[in-house]
PDB file of N, CA and C in Angstrom:
ATOM      1  N   MET A   1     -47.320   2.423  29.880  1.00  0.00           N
ATOM      2  CA  MET A   1     -46.782   1.475  30.850  1.00  0.00           C
ATOM      3  C   MET A   1     -45.183   1.598  30.895  1.00  0.00           C
ATOM      4  N   VAL A   2     -44.670   1.694  29.569  1.00  0.00           N
ATOM      5  CA  VAL A   2     -43.161   1.706  29.466  1.00  0.00           C
ATOM      6  C   VAL A   2     -42.610   3.002  30.198  1.00  0.00           C
ATOM      7  N   SER A   3     -43.418   4.276  29.934  1.00  0.00           N
ATOM      8  CA  SER A   3     -42.975   5.405  30.726  1.00  0.00           C
ATOM      9  C   SER A   3     -43.007   5.157  32.245  1.00  0.00           C
ATOM     10  N   LEU A   4     -43.949   4.534  32.740  1.00  0.00           N
ATOM     11  CA  LEU A   4     -44.163   4.399  34.212  1.00  0.00           C
ATOM     12  C   LEU A   4     -42.885   3.368  34.722  1.00  0.00           C
ATOM     13  N   VAL A   5     -42.566   2.508  33.922  1.00  0.00           N
ATOM     14  CA  VAL A   5     -41.418   1.656  34.400  1.00  0.00           C
ATOM     15  C   VAL A   5     -40.092   2.378  34.221  1.00  0.00           C
ATOM     16  N   THR A   6     -39.873   3.257  33.284  1.00  0.00           N
ATOM     17  CA  THR A   6     -38.667   3.965  33.101  1.00  0.00           C
ATOM     18  C   THR A   6     -38.650   5.017  34.102  1.00  0.00           C
ATOM     19  N   GLY A   7     -39.604   5.664  34.599  1.00  0.00           N
ATOM     20  CA  GLY A   7     -39.661   6.526  35.631  1.00  0.00           C
ATOM     21  C   GLY A   7     -39.322   5.949  36.953  1.00  0.00           C
ATOM     22  N   THR A   8     -39.901   4.768  37.153  1.00  0.00           N
ATOM     23  CA  THR A   8     -39.653   4.006  38.501  1.00  0.00           C
ATOM     24  C   THR A   8     -38.213   3.589  38.464  1.00  0.00           C
ATOM     25  N   ILE A   9     -37.619   3.166  37.399  1.00  0.00           N
ATOM     26  CA  ILE A   9     -36.217   2.791  37.347  1.00  0.00           C
ATOM     27  C   ILE A   9     -35.339   3.834  37.700  1.00  0.00           C
ATOM     28  N   GLY A  10     -35.661   5.006  37.182  1.00  0.00           N
ATOM     29  CA  GLY A  10     -34.948   6.279  37.449  1.00  0.00           C
ATOM     30  C   GLY A  10     -34.874   6.577  38.957  1.00  0.00           C
ATOM     31  N   LEU A  11     -36.120   6.573  39.516  1.00  0.00           N
ATOM     32  CA  LEU A  11     -36.131   6.853  40.902  1.00  0.00           C
ATOM     33  C   LEU A  11     -35.396   5.670  41.866  1.00  0.00           C
ATOM     34  N   ILE A  12     -35.535   4.402  41.421  1.00  0.00           N
ATOM     35  CA  ILE A  12     -34.816   3.510  42.180  1.00  0.00           C
ATOM     36  C   ILE A  12     -33.210   3.758  42.137  1.00  0.00           C
ATOM     37  N   ILE A  13     -32.718   4.104  40.877  1.00  0.00           N
ATOM     38  CA  ILE A  13     -31.367   4.310  40.738  1.00  0.00           C
ATOM     39  C   ILE A  13     -30.979   5.514  41.583  1.00  0.00           C
ATOM     40  N   ALA A  14     -31.811   6.603  41.600  1.00  0.00           N
ATOM     41  CA  ALA A  14     -31.437   7.838  42.359  1.00  0.00           C
ATOM     42  C   ALA A  14     -31.367   7.405  43.880  1.00  0.00           C
ATOM     43  N   GLY A  15     -32.360   6.601  44.312  1.00  0.00           N
ATOM     44  CA  GLY A  15     -32.326   6.059  45.659  1.00  0.00           C
ATOM     45  C   GLY A  15     -31.119   5.228  45.975  1.00  0.00           C
ATOM     46  N   LEU A  16     -30.744   4.439  45.166  1.00  0.00           N
ATOM     47  CA  LEU A  16     -29.576   3.512  45.203  1.00  0.00           C
ATOM     48  C   LEU A  16     -28.228   4.499  45.284  1.00  0.00           C
ATOM     49  N   ILE A  17     -28.307   5.539  44.467  1.00  0.00           N
ATOM     50  CA  ILE A  17     -27.059   6.323  44.599  1.00  0.00           C
ATOM     51  C   ILE A  17     -26.983   7.143  45.833  1.00  0.00           C
ATOM     52  N   LEU A  18     -28.102   7.648  46.357  1.00  0.00           N
ATOM     53  CA  LEU A  18     -28.258   8.188  47.777  1.00  0.00           C
ATOM     54  C   LEU A  18     -27.629   7.276  48.707  1.00  0.00           C
ATOM     55  N   PHE A  19     -28.188   5.940  48.697  1.00  0.00           N
ATOM     56  CA  PHE A  19     -27.780   4.849  49.771  1.00  0.00           C
ATOM     57  C   PHE A  19     -26.299   4.742  49.609  1.00  0.00           C
ATOM     58  N   LEU A  20     -25.704   4.679  48.470  1.00  0.00           N
ATOM     59  CA  LEU A  20     -24.242   4.482  48.330  1.00  0.00           C
ATOM     60  C   LEU A  20     -23.343   5.680  48.825  1.00  0.00           C
ATOM     61  N   ILE A  21     -23.980   6.777  48.663  1.00  0.00           N
ATOM     62  CA  ILE A  21     -23.324   8.010  49.242  1.00  0.00           C
ATOM     63  C   ILE A  21     -23.310   8.017  50.769  1.00  0.00           C
ATOM     64  N   ARG A  22     -24.456   7.763  51.310  1.00  0.00           N
ATOM     65  CA  ARG A  22     -24.712   7.512  52.800  1.00  0.00           C
ATOM     66  C   ARG A  22     -23.695   6.401  53.403  1.00  0.00           C
ATOM     67  N   LYS A  23     -23.498   5.442  52.752  1.00  0.00           N
ATOM     68  CA  LYS A  23     -22.549   4.426  53.073  1.00  0.00           C
ATOM     69  C   LYS A  23     -21.180   4.448  52.766  1.00  0.00           C
ATOM     70  N   ASP A  24     -20.847   5.708  52.229  1.00  0.00           N
ATOM     71  CA  ASP A  24     -19.425   6.085  51.859  1.00  0.00           C
ATOM     72  C   ASP A  24     -18.867   5.070  50.833  1.00  0.00           C
ATOM     73  N   ARG A  25     -19.808   4.469  49.935  1.00  0.00           N
ATOM     74  CA  ARG A  25     -19.276   3.671  48.866  1.00  0.00           C
ATOM     75  C   ARG A  25     -19.086   4.648  47.611  1.00  0.00           C
ATOM     76  N   LEU A  26     -19.722   5.758  47.590  1.00  0.00           N
ATOM     77  CA  LEU A  26     -19.636   6.715  46.427  1.00  0.00           C
ATOM     78  C   LEU A  26     -19.482   8.100  47.039  1.00  0.00           C
ATOM     79  N   HIS A  27     -18.386   8.707  46.498  1.00  0.00           N
ATOM     80  CA  HIS A  27     -18.137   9.989  46.958  1.00  0.00           C
ATOM     81  C   HIS A  27     -19.138  11.078  46.528  1.00  0.00           C
ATOM     82  N   ALA A  28     -19.614  12.004  47.464  1.00  0.00           N
ATOM     83  CA  ALA A  28     -20.740  12.733  47.146  1.00  0.00           C
ATOM     84  C   ALA A  28     -20.521  13.704  45.823  1.00  0.00           C
ATOM     85  N   HIS A  29     -19.175  14.038  45.671  1.00  0.00           N
ATOM     86  CA  HIS A  29     -18.964  14.858  44.510  1.00  0.00           C
ATOM     87  C   HIS A  29     -19.356  14.086  43.079  1.00  0.00           C
ATOM     88  N   HIS A  30     -19.148  12.805  43.140  1.00  0.00           N
ATOM     89  CA  HIS A  30     -19.432  12.044  41.864  1.00  0.00           C
ATOM     90  C   HIS A  30     -20.961  11.658  41.951  1.00  0.00           C
ATOM     91  N   GLY A  31     -21.404  11.320  43.144  1.00  0.00           N
ATOM     92  CA  GLY A  31     -22.787  10.897  43.220  1.00  0.00           C
ATOM     93  C   GLY A  31     -23.820  12.033  42.765  1.00  0.00           C
ATOM     94  N   LEU A  32     -23.491  13.256  43.035  1.00  0.00           N
ATOM     95  CA  LEU A  32     -24.345  14.343  42.761  1.00  0.00           C
ATOM     96  C   LEU A  32     -24.829  14.380  41.229  1.00  0.00           C
ATOM     97  N   GLY A  33     -23.807  14.101  40.380  1.00  0.00           N
ATOM     98  CA  GLY A  33     -24.083  14.157  38.934  1.00  0.00           C
ATOM     99  C   GLY A  33     -24.717  12.943  38.500  1.00  0.00           C
ATOM    100  N   TRP A  34     -24.626  11.795  39.170  1.00  0.00           N
ATOM    101  CA  TRP A  34     -25.418  10.554  38.814  1.00  0.00           C
ATOM    102  C   TRP A  34     -26.767  10.616  39.296  1.00  0.00           C
ATOM    103  N   ILE A  35     -27.027  11.388  40.424  1.00  0.00           N
ATOM    104  CA  ILE A  35     -28.354  11.654  40.934  1.00  0.00           C
ATOM    105  C   ILE A  35     -29.079  12.647  40.098  1.00  0.00           C
ATOM    106  N   VAL A  36     -28.517  13.530  39.425  1.00  0.00           N
ATOM    107  CA  VAL A  36     -29.103  14.542  38.517  1.00  0.00           C
ATOM    108  C   VAL A  36     -29.561  13.720  37.259  1.00  0.00           C
ATOM    109  N   ILE A  37     -28.657  12.850  36.828  1.00  0.00           N
ATOM    110  CA  ILE A  37     -28.920  12.024  35.645  1.00  0.00           C
ATOM    111  C   ILE A  37     -30.092  11.150  35.829  1.00  0.00           C
ATOM    112  N   ALA A  38     -30.157  10.296  37.020  1.00  0.00           N
ATOM    113  CA  ALA A  38     -31.185   9.406  37.328  1.00  0.00           C
ATOM    114  C   ALA A  38     -32.505  10.361  37.503  1.00  0.00           C
ATOM    115  N   LEU A  39     -32.570  11.347  38.019  1.00  0.00           N
ATOM    116  CA  LEU A  39     -33.741  12.142  38.244  1.00  0.00           C
ATOM    117  C   LEU A  39     -34.253  12.633  36.895  1.00  0.00           C
ATOM    118  N   GLY A  40     -33.293  13.025  35.962  1.00  0.00           N
ATOM    119  CA  GLY A  40     -33.658  13.417  34.701  1.00  0.00           C
ATOM    120  C   GLY A  40     -34.340  12.268  33.943  1.00  0.00           C
ATOM    121  N   PHE A  41     -33.686  11.073  34.026  1.00  0.00           N
ATOM    122  CA  PHE A  41     -34.209   9.889  33.548  1.00  0.00           C
ATOM    123  C   PHE A  41     -35.622   9.560  34.097  1.00  0.00           C
ATOM    124  N   ALA A  42     -35.850   9.694  35.320  1.00  0.00           N
ATOM    125  CA  ALA A  42     -37.155   9.525  35.876  1.00  0.00           C
ATOM    126  C   ALA A  42     -38.266  10.574  35.356  1.00  0.00           C
ATOM    127  N   LEU A  43     -37.745  11.838  35.188  1.00  0.00           N
ATOM    128  CA  LEU A  43     -38.625  13.035  34.855  1.00  0.00           C
ATOM    129  C   LEU A  43     -39.077  12.504  33.363  1.00  0.00           C
ATOM    130  N   LEU A  44     -38.070  12.211  32.510  1.00  0.00           N
ATOM    131  CA  LEU A  44     -38.532  11.863  31.173  1.00  0.00           C
ATOM    132  C   LEU A  44     -39.264  10.639  31.062  1.00  0.00           C
ATOM    133  N   GLY A  45     -39.189   9.590  32.023  1.00  0.00           N
ATOM    134  CA  GLY A  45     -40.034   8.462  32.139  1.00  0.00           C
ATOM    135  C   GLY A  45     -41.356   8.849  32.403  1.00  0.00           C
ATOM    136  N   PHE A  46     -41.575   9.521  33.477  1.00  0.00           N
ATOM    137  CA  PHE A  46     -42.931   9.952  33.940  1.00  0.00           C
ATOM    138  C   PHE A  46     -43.658  10.779  32.892  1.00  0.00           C
ATOM    139  N   SER A  47     -42.914  11.832  32.293  1.00  0.00           N
ATOM    140  CA  SER A  47     -43.652  12.661  31.253  1.00  0.00           C
ATOM    141  C   SER A  47     -42.765  12.697  29.991  1.00  0.00           C
ATOM    142  N   PRO A  48     -42.931  11.747  29.078  1.00  0.00           N
ATOM    143  CA  PRO A  48     -42.155  11.618  27.911  1.00  0.00           C
ATOM    144  C   PRO A  48     -42.532  12.812  27.037  1.00  0.00           C
ATOM    145  N   GLY A  49     -43.583  13.446  27.104  1.00  0.00           N
ATOM    146  CA  GLY A  49     -43.826  14.495  26.242  1.00  0.00           C
ATOM    147  C   GLY A  49     -43.015  15.683  26.243  1.00  0.00           C
ATOM    148  N   ILE A  50     -42.093  15.685  27.178  1.00  0.00           N
ATOM    149  CA  ILE A  50     -41.095  16.803  27.365  1.00  0.00           C
ATOM    150  C   ILE A  50     -40.096  16.694  26.274  1.00  0.00           C
ATOM    151  N   ILE A  51     -39.682  15.567  25.978  1.00  0.00           N
ATOM    152  CA  ILE A  51     -38.654  15.357  24.947  1.00  0.00           C
ATOM    153  C   ILE A  51     -39.250  15.771  23.528  1.00  0.00           C
ATOM    154  N   ASP A  52     -40.565  15.366  23.512  1.00  0.00           N
ATOM    155  CA  ASP A  52     -41.333  15.603  22.142  1.00  0.00           C
ATOM    156  C   ASP A  52     -41.424  17.237  22.039  1.00  0.00           C
ATOM    157  N   ARG A  53     -41.765  17.842  23.047  1.00  0.00           N
ATOM    158  CA  ARG A  53     -41.886  19.391  22.799  1.00  0.00           C
ATOM    159  C   ARG A  53     -40.537  19.957  22.667  1.00  0.00           C
ATOM    160  N   LEU A  54     -39.477  19.459  23.347  1.00  0.00           N
ATOM    161  CA  LEU A  54     -38.304  20.104  23.085  1.00  0.00           C
ATOM    162  C   LEU A  54     -37.711  19.816  21.841  1.00  0.00           C
ATOM    163  N   ALA A  55     -37.939  18.503  21.216  1.00  0.00           N
ATOM    164  CA  ALA A  55     -37.504  18.344  19.815  1.00  0.00           C
ATOM    165  C   ALA A  55     -38.166  19.145  18.765  1.00  0.00           C
ATOM    166  N   ALA A  56     -39.425  19.418  19.153  1.00  0.00           N
ATOM    167  CA  ALA A  56     -40.312  20.360  18.119  1.00  0.00           C
ATOM    168  C   ALA A  56     -39.756  21.721  18.248  1.00  0.00           C
ATOM    169  N   LEU A  57     -39.389  22.186  19.453  1.00  0.00           N
ATOM    170  CA  LEU A  57     -38.724  23.499  19.589  1.00  0.00           C
ATOM    171  C   LEU A  57     -37.511  23.728  18.811  1.00  0.00           C
ATOM    172  N   LEU A  58     -36.657  22.589  18.804  1.00  0.00           N
ATOM    173  CA  LEU A  58     -35.408  22.661  18.201  1.00  0.00           C
ATOM    174  C   LEU A  58     -35.487  22.296  16.708  1.00  0.00           C
ATOM    175  N   GLY A  59     -36.728  22.029  16.168  1.00  0.00           N
ATOM    176  CA  GLY A  59     -36.820  21.591  14.781  1.00  0.00           C
ATOM    177  C   GLY A  59     -36.412  20.207  14.372  1.00  0.00           C
ATOM    178  N   ILE A  60     -36.397  19.211  15.394  1.00  0.00           N
ATOM    179  CA  ILE A  60     -35.936  17.862  15.160  1.00  0.00           C
ATOM    180  C   ILE A  60     -37.222  17.141  14.933  1.00  0.00           C
ATOM    181  N   GLY A  61     -37.365  16.451  13.800  1.00  0.00           N
ATOM    182  CA  GLY A  61     -38.511  15.695  13.272  1.00  0.00           C
ATOM    183  C   GLY A  61     -38.822  14.451  14.073  1.00  0.00           C
ATOM    184  N   TYR A  62     -37.710  13.687  14.582  1.00  0.00           N
ATOM    185  CA  TYR A  62     -37.813  12.456  15.326  1.00  0.00           C
ATOM    186  C   TYR A  62     -37.376  12.515  16.585  1.00  0.00           C
ATOM    187  N   PRO A  63     -38.177  12.765  17.564  1.00  0.00           N
ATOM    188  CA  PRO A  63     -37.692  13.093  18.974  1.00  0.00           C
ATOM    189  C   PRO A  63     -36.819  12.301  19.650  1.00  0.00           C
ATOM    190  N   PRO A  64     -36.961  10.771  19.443  1.00  0.00           N
ATOM    191  CA  PRO A  64     -36.062   9.996  19.903  1.00  0.00           C
ATOM    192  C   PRO A  64     -34.520  10.219  19.646  1.00  0.00           C
ATOM    193  N   VAL A  65     -34.231  10.849  18.599  1.00  0.00           N
ATOM    194  CA  VAL A  65     -32.974  11.151  18.055  1.00  0.00           C
ATOM    195  C   VAL A  65     -32.392  12.192  19.104  1.00  0.00           C
ATOM    196  N   LEU A  66     -33.196  13.082  19.488  1.00  0.00           N
ATOM    197  CA  LEU A  66     -32.758  14.078  20.534  1.00  0.00           C
ATOM    198  C   LEU A  66     -32.337  13.469  21.797  1.00  0.00           C
ATOM    199  N   ALA A  67     -33.229  12.475  22.337  1.00  0.00           N
ATOM    200  CA  ALA A  67     -32.927  11.736  23.568  1.00  0.00           C
ATOM    201  C   ALA A  67     -31.623  11.074  23.402  1.00  0.00           C
ATOM    202  N   LEU A  68     -31.294  10.367  22.330  1.00  0.00           N
ATOM    203  CA  LEU A  68     -30.252   9.407  22.163  1.00  0.00           C
ATOM    204  C   LEU A  68     -29.061  10.441  22.108  1.00  0.00           C
ATOM    205  N   THR A  69     -29.124  11.634  21.445  1.00  0.00           N
ATOM    206  CA  THR A  69     -27.989  12.573  21.411  1.00  0.00           C
ATOM    207  C   THR A  69     -27.635  13.107  22.592  1.00  0.00           C
ATOM    208  N   LEU A  70     -28.716  13.489  23.445  1.00  0.00           N
ATOM    209  CA  LEU A  70     -28.398  13.977  24.819  1.00  0.00           C
ATOM    210  C   LEU A  70     -27.778  12.860  25.614  1.00  0.00           C
ATOM    211  N   ALA A  71     -28.248  11.635  25.544  1.00  0.00           N
ATOM    212  CA  ALA A  71     -27.614  10.555  26.415  1.00  0.00           C
ATOM    213  C   ALA A  71     -26.266  10.445  26.048  1.00  0.00           C
ATOM    214  N   ILE A  72     -25.979  10.203  24.666  1.00  0.00           N
ATOM    215  CA  ILE A  72     -24.590  10.032  24.336  1.00  0.00           C
ATOM    216  C   ILE A  72     -23.631  11.278  24.746  1.00  0.00           C
ATOM    217  N   SER A  73     -24.176  12.435  24.680  1.00  0.00           N
ATOM    218  CA  SER A  73     -23.382  13.618  25.033  1.00  0.00           C
ATOM    219  C   SER A  73     -23.156  13.537  26.615  1.00  0.00           C
ATOM    220  N   LEU A  74     -24.057  13.239  27.526  1.00  0.00           N
ATOM    221  CA  LEU A  74     -23.856  13.199  28.752  1.00  0.00           C
ATOM    222  C   LEU A  74     -22.890  12.170  29.041  1.00  0.00           C
ATOM    223  N   LEU A  75     -22.902  10.946  28.533  1.00  0.00           N
ATOM    224  CA  LEU A  75     -21.812   9.856  28.616  1.00  0.00           C
ATOM    225  C   LEU A  75     -20.439  10.347  28.244  1.00  0.00           C
ATOM    226  N   VAL A  76     -20.329  10.987  27.129  1.00  0.00           N
ATOM    227  CA  VAL A  76     -19.109  11.486  26.701  1.00  0.00           C
ATOM    228  C   VAL A  76     -18.468  12.542  27.769  1.00  0.00           C
ATOM    229  N   LEU A  77     -19.484  13.458  28.153  1.00  0.00           N
ATOM    230  CA  LEU A  77     -18.966  14.383  29.201  1.00  0.00           C
ATOM    231  C   LEU A  77     -18.495  13.647  30.310  1.00  0.00           C
ATOM    232  N   LYS A  78     -19.314  12.744  31.077  1.00  0.00           N
ATOM    233  CA  LYS A  78     -18.996  11.791  32.095  1.00  0.00           C
ATOM    234  C   LYS A  78     -17.500  11.182  31.998  1.00  0.00           C
ATOM    235  N   ILE A  79     -17.373  10.659  30.811  1.00  0.00           N
ATOM    236  CA  ILE A  79     -16.049  10.042  30.589  1.00  0.00           C
ATOM    237  C   ILE A  79     -14.945  11.143  30.556  1.00  0.00           C
ATOM    238  N   LEU A  80     -15.133  12.196  29.978  1.00  0.00           N
ATOM    239  CA  LEU A  80     -14.172  13.219  29.951  1.00  0.00           C
ATOM    240  C   LEU A  80     -13.892  13.726  31.398  1.00  0.00           C
ATOM    241  N   LEU A  81     -14.856  13.855  32.179  1.00  0.00           N
ATOM    242  CA  LEU A  81     -14.619  14.207  33.593  1.00  0.00           C
ATOM    243  C   LEU A  81     -13.881  13.213  34.352  1.00  0.00           C
ATOM    244  N   MET A  82     -14.096  12.025  34.176  1.00  0.00           N
ATOM    245  CA  MET A  82     -13.561  10.838  34.898  1.00  0.00           C
ATOM    246  C   MET A  82     -12.044  10.891  34.451  1.00  0.00           C
ATOM    247  N   ASP A  83     -11.687  11.080  33.133  1.00  0.00           N
ATOM    248  CA  ASP A  83     -10.389  11.159  32.633  1.00  0.00           C
ATOM    249  C   ASP A  83      -9.547  12.410  33.262  1.00  0.00           C
ATOM    250  N   ILE A  84     -10.247  13.459  33.306  1.00  0.00           N
ATOM    251  CA  ILE A  84      -9.606  14.672  33.998  1.00  0.00           C
ATOM    252  C   ILE A  84      -9.241  14.330  35.469  1.00  0.00           C
ATOM    253  N   GLU A  85     -10.148  13.611  36.145  1.00  0.00           N
ATOM    254  CA  GLU A  85      -9.881  13.278  37.558  1.00  0.00           C
ATOM    255  C   GLU A  85      -8.791  12.231  37.734  1.00  0.00           C
ATOM    256  N   ARG A  86      -8.847  11.333  36.808  1.00  0.00           N
ATOM    257  CA  ARG A  86      -7.767  10.241  36.825  1.00  0.00           C
ATOM    258  C   ARG A  86      -6.477  10.796  36.523  1.00  0.00           C
ATOM    259  N   SER A  87      -6.359  11.807  35.696  1.00  0.00           N
ATOM    260  CA  SER A  87      -5.030  12.564  35.355  1.00  0.00           C
ATOM    261  C   SER A  87      -4.637  13.369  36.568  1.00  0.00           C
ATOM    262  N   ARG A  88      -5.576  13.922  37.236  1.00  0.00           N
ATOM    263  CA  ARG A  88      -5.156  14.638  38.503  1.00  0.00           C
ATOM    264  C   ARG A  88      -4.680  13.712  39.572  1.00  0.00           C
ATOM    265  N   LEU A  89      -5.244  12.626  39.713  1.00  0.00           N
ATOM    266  CA  LEU A  89      -4.841  11.595  40.798  1.00  0.00           C
ATOM    267  C   LEU A  89      -3.483  11.116  40.353  1.00  0.00           C
ATOM    268  N   GLU A  90      -3.276  10.820  39.149  1.00  0.00           N
ATOM    269  CA  GLU A  90      -1.905  10.307  38.680  1.00  0.00           C
ATOM    270  C   GLU A  90      -0.833  11.221  38.834  1.00  0.00           C
ATOM    271  N   ALA A  91      -1.122  12.594  38.628  1.00  0.00           N
ATOM    272  CA  ALA A  91      -0.130  13.515  38.907  1.00  0.00           C
ATOM    273  C   ALA A  91       0.133  13.616  40.341  1.00  0.00           C
ATOM    274  N   ARG A  92      -0.885  13.548  41.164  1.00  0.00           N
ATOM    275  CA  ARG A  92      -0.785  13.620  42.726  1.00  0.00           C
ATOM    276  C   ARG A  92       0.059  12.376  43.157  1.00  0.00           C
ATOM    277  N   ASN A  93      -0.296  11.236  42.639  1.00  0.00           N
ATOM    278  CA  ASN A  93       0.413  10.059  43.128  1.00  0.00           C
ATOM    279  C   ASN A  93       1.955  10.144  42.757  1.00  0.00           C
ATOM    280  N   LEU A  94       2.106  10.593  41.600  1.00  0.00           N
ATOM    281  CA  LEU A  94       3.694  10.782  41.078  1.00  0.00           C
ATOM    282  C   LEU A  94       4.309  11.783  42.144  1.00  0.00           C
ATOM    283  N   ARG A  95       3.728  12.858  42.478  1.00  0.00           N
ATOM    284  CA  ARG A  95       4.340  13.803  43.465  1.00  0.00           C
ATOM    285  C   ARG A  95       4.660  13.174  44.838  1.00  0.00           C
ATOM    286  N   LEU A  96       3.566  12.323  45.329  1.00  0.00           N
ATOM    287  CA  LEU A  96       3.770  11.677  46.486  1.00  0.00           C
ATOM    288  C   LEU A  96       4.756  10.674  46.524  1.00  0.00           C
ATOM    289  N   ILE A  97       4.919   9.872  45.519  1.00  0.00           N
ATOM    290  CA  ILE A  97       5.992   8.886  45.226  1.00  0.00           C
ATOM    291  C   ILE A  97       7.296   9.657  45.441  1.00  0.00           C
ATOM    292  N   GLN A  98       7.468  10.734  44.698  1.00  0.00           N
ATOM    293  CA  GLN A  98       8.770  11.562  44.679  1.00  0.00           C
ATOM    294  C   GLN A  98       8.990  12.061  46.130  1.00  0.00           C
ATOM    295  N   ARG A  99       8.037  12.444  46.711  1.00  0.00           N
ATOM    296  CA  ARG A  99       8.262  13.039  48.267  1.00  0.00           C
ATOM    297  C   ARG A  99       8.676  11.814  49.174  1.00  0.00           C
ATOM    298  N   VAL A 100       8.060  10.729  48.980  1.00  0.00           N
ATOM    299  CA  VAL A 100       8.445   9.540  49.789  1.00  0.00           C
ATOM    300  C   VAL A 100       9.801   9.162  49.451  1.00  0.00           C
ATOM    301  N   ALA A 101      10.273   9.092  48.161  1.00  0.00           N
ATOM    302  CA  ALA A 101      11.675   8.776  47.834  1.00  0.00           C
ATOM    303  C   ALA A 101      12.672   9.858  48.499  1.00  0.00           C
ATOM    304  N   MET A 102      12.271  10.983  48.513  1.00  0.00           N
ATOM    305  CA  MET A 102      13.263  12.050  48.962  1.00  0.00           C
ATOM    306  C   MET A 102      13.351  11.835  50.550  1.00  0.00           C
ATOM    307  N   LEU A 103      12.133  11.546  51.274  1.00  0.00           N
ATOM    308  CA  LEU A 103      12.187  11.291  52.577  1.00  0.00           C
ATOM    309  C   LEU A 103      13.037  10.103  52.928  1.00  0.00           C
ATOM    310  N   GLU A 104      12.932   9.061  52.233  1.00  0.00           N
ATOM    311  CA  GLU A 104      13.718   7.775  52.376  1.00  0.00           C
ATOM    312  C   GLU A 104      15.079   8.095  52.250  1.00  0.00           C
ATOM    313  N   ALA A 105      15.530   8.958  51.291  1.00  0.00           N
ATOM    314  CA  ALA A 105      16.946   9.201  51.006  1.00  0.00           C
ATOM    315  C   ALA A 105      17.430  10.071  52.196  1.00  0.00           C
ATOM    316  N   ASP A 106      16.670  11.055  52.782  1.00  0.00           N
ATOM    317  CA  ASP A 106      17.014  11.791  53.880  1.00  0.00           C
ATOM    318  C   ASP A 106      17.197  10.945  55.032  1.00  0.00           C
ATOM    319  N   LEU A 107      16.367   9.871  55.285  1.00  0.00           N
ATOM    320  CA  LEU A 107      16.376   8.952  56.389  1.00  0.00           C
ATOM    321  C   LEU A 107      17.604   8.162  56.341  1.00  0.00           C
ATOM    322  N   LYS A 108      18.029   7.729  55.215  1.00  0.00           N
ATOM    323  CA  LYS A 108      19.121   6.904  55.019  1.00  0.00           C
ATOM    324  C   LYS A 108      20.498   7.623  55.245  1.00  0.00           C
ATOM    325  N   ALA A 109      20.398   8.954  54.914  1.00  0.00           N
ATOM    326  CA  ALA A 109      21.481   9.837  55.010  1.00  0.00           C
ATOM    327  C   ALA A 109      21.668  10.049  56.549  1.00  0.00           C
ATOM    328  N   LEU A 110      20.610  10.284  57.332  1.00  0.00           N
ATOM    329  CA  LEU A 110      20.642  10.519  58.725  1.00  0.00           C
ATOM    330  C   LEU A 110      21.086   9.188  59.467  1.00  0.00           C
ATOM    331  N   GLN A 111      20.592   8.059  59.060  1.00  0.00           N
ATOM    332  CA  GLN A 111      21.230   6.997  59.684  1.00  0.00           C
ATOM    333  C   GLN A 111      22.662   6.708  59.512  1.00  0.00           C
ATOM    334  N   ARG A 112      23.242   7.045  58.321  1.00  0.00           N
ATOM    335  CA  ARG A 112      24.674   6.904  58.272  1.00  0.00           C
ATOM    336  C   ARG A 112      25.380   8.001  58.983  1.00  0.00           C
ATOM    337  N   ILE A 113      24.904   9.081  59.229  1.00  0.00           N
ATOM    338  CA  ILE A 113      25.578  10.042  60.112  1.00  0.00           C
ATOM    339  C   ILE A 113      25.638   9.922  61.506  1.00  0.00           C
ATOM    340  N   GLU A 114      24.575   9.300  62.053  1.00  0.00           N
ATOM    341  CA  GLU A 114      24.467   9.002  63.602  1.00  0.00           C
ATOM    342  C   GLU A 114      25.435   7.953  64.003  1.00  0.00           C
ATOM    343  N   PRO A 115      26.032   8.188  65.022  1.00  0.00           N
ATOM    344  CA  PRO A 115      26.949   7.119  65.556  1.00  0.00           C
ATOM    345  C   PRO A 115      26.218   5.908  66.109  1.00  0.00           C
ATOM    346  N   ASP A 116      26.796   4.728  66.072  1.00  0.00           N
ATOM    347  CA  ASP A 116      26.126   3.645  66.595  1.00  0.00           C
ATOM    348  C   ASP A 116      26.121   3.646  68.131  1.00  0.00           C
ATOM    349  N   ASP A 117      24.941   3.518  68.589  1.00  0.00           N
ATOM    350  CA  ASP A 117      24.670   3.585  70.119  1.00  0.00           C
ATOM    351  C   ASP A 117      24.816   2.343  70.801  1.00  0.00           C
ATOM    352  N   SER A 118      25.368   1.349  70.163  1.00  0.00           N
ATOM    353  CA  SER A 118      25.478   0.006  70.835  1.00  0.00           C
ATOM    354  C   SER A 118      26.659  -0.030  71.621  1.00  0.00           C
ATOM    355  N   GLU A 119      27.614   0.700  71.491  1.00  0.00           N
ATOM    356  CA  GLU A 119      28.941   0.724  72.094  1.00  0.00           C
ATOM    357  C   GLU A 119      28.971   1.073  73.461  1.00  0.00           C
TER     358      GLU A 119
END
């Protein structure tokens, strides 16, 4: 029963992510990774024997340890990718701020050079 509920939750989350992408609430680039994770969650929920066989192949005696290790690894990877994206956006914003400041300085200089047209 637990595996059925887990698999169903994974499918519902994947559907929700697709809905958010269609409504432009989530960028497709970010949503793709979440869909893969949700479908993996559903797959492991509907057939929990996969993790048991994989753990046996890797020589892990207690299969839930493998599942938790994989989950933590995916979360750490997602956080790392988010930090990389955030750093890229911060650098881009800084460049844009500098460009706007230069354009404002040019505009002020042009306004000082132009004669007053009110005469």
